[in-house]
C-alpha cells in the first residue's frame, strides 16, 4: 500500500511577547504570505493537549492554547526557537488537590508529582520538535550552554581564550589585572525601585588580597583589546560586526554598558577565513546552528569570549545592513 504524505505548511516561532526581533521576522513572513504560528512563553497559556500513537507512529499531536487556534505539530515544517519555548501545562490549584485528599502532606506530594508529569510532557514536546522537523533554528535543548564548557570546546577548536580561573579567594594568585563575570547567564533583577544587572567588571587591585573569601567566581586576565567583534551565526555563515568600545571608559570592559549620548562605532567586519572555519567547527561541536558570539581582537590575535544561543542580533543586523531578519524568514520559508 502506498503511504500518503501530507504537505506540511506551518512555520512555528517560539518566543516572548516583547521580543522585537521576532516581530520583524514575522513582518517578512506576512509580506511573503507564509503561514506561521507564534507561541509566547510568557503570555500564551497551554490548556489542552492530544497525542496519539498508532502502530508506533505519532499520528496526532495537537496543542491547544487559550484563545488561539489549535497547533498541529505534525503540520510544522520549520521551527525557530527564539527563546522561551512551549509553556508548561498549568498545575491545578492547591486547594483543589486538598479537596481530594484532605491531607496537606499528600496534596503537596501529589502536586509535585503532577509537576513532574507536566515536565516530562514538556520535554517530549521539545524533543519531538527537534527530531521531527527538518528545518530548525535554535532549540530548547541548546538554549543554555555552560560557559566553562564553551571555553573548553572553543580552545579545542583552535580559538584562543583568555586565561581563566574559578576562585573562592585570592591566595596564591598573581597580581595580574583581572576582570570578573558571571559563570552562567547575566542576572537581571528588579523591584519597584531598582533594576540590577551583572556586567563584566574590573577587579580593583586593592581587592586582590589573601583576606577575602567569596562564593566560587569566574575571573579572567584582562586583555587590552583593540576592538570587540559580535558575530551572529546562522547555519554555517558568520555575520560579523566590529565594536570600537575601547575609546570610551564606560564601555571599555563591557560594551553592554551602552553610552547612549555617544554610542560606540559599529561597522561590518570580515573575519579571516581560518577564524570563521574554527567558529563553524566550534558551533558544530557544541551543537548550535544559531547564536551570537563575542570575540576580542588584539595584536593580531582573536580571543573567544562566549556564545549566547538566544542572544540579541538586532544591532548587528541594523548597523551592518545585514538584514538578518529577512535571512531568518527566508530560511524558515524555503
Foldseek 3Di string as FASTA:
>chain_A
DDDDDDAAFEEEEEEAPPDPLVVLLVVLCVVVVGHYDYDHQVPKAWADWDWDADPNDTPFTWTDIPPDDIDTLSNHQEYECLDNAHYFHDFDDLVVLCVVVVDNVVSVVVSVVVSVVRVVVRVVVQVCNVPVHDYYADGPVLQWDFQVVLQVLLVVLVAAAFAKDWDQALPPPDLAWKKWFARTDWDWDDDPPDIDITFIGTDDSVRRDGPGGHDTTMMGRDDQFQWKKKWKAAQLDTWIKTWRQCVDPQPNRPCVSADPVDGTQIETDDDPPSVSVSVSVSCVVSVHRTWMWMWTDDPHHIHGRGTRSNDDCVCSCPNHVVVVSNVVSVSSRD
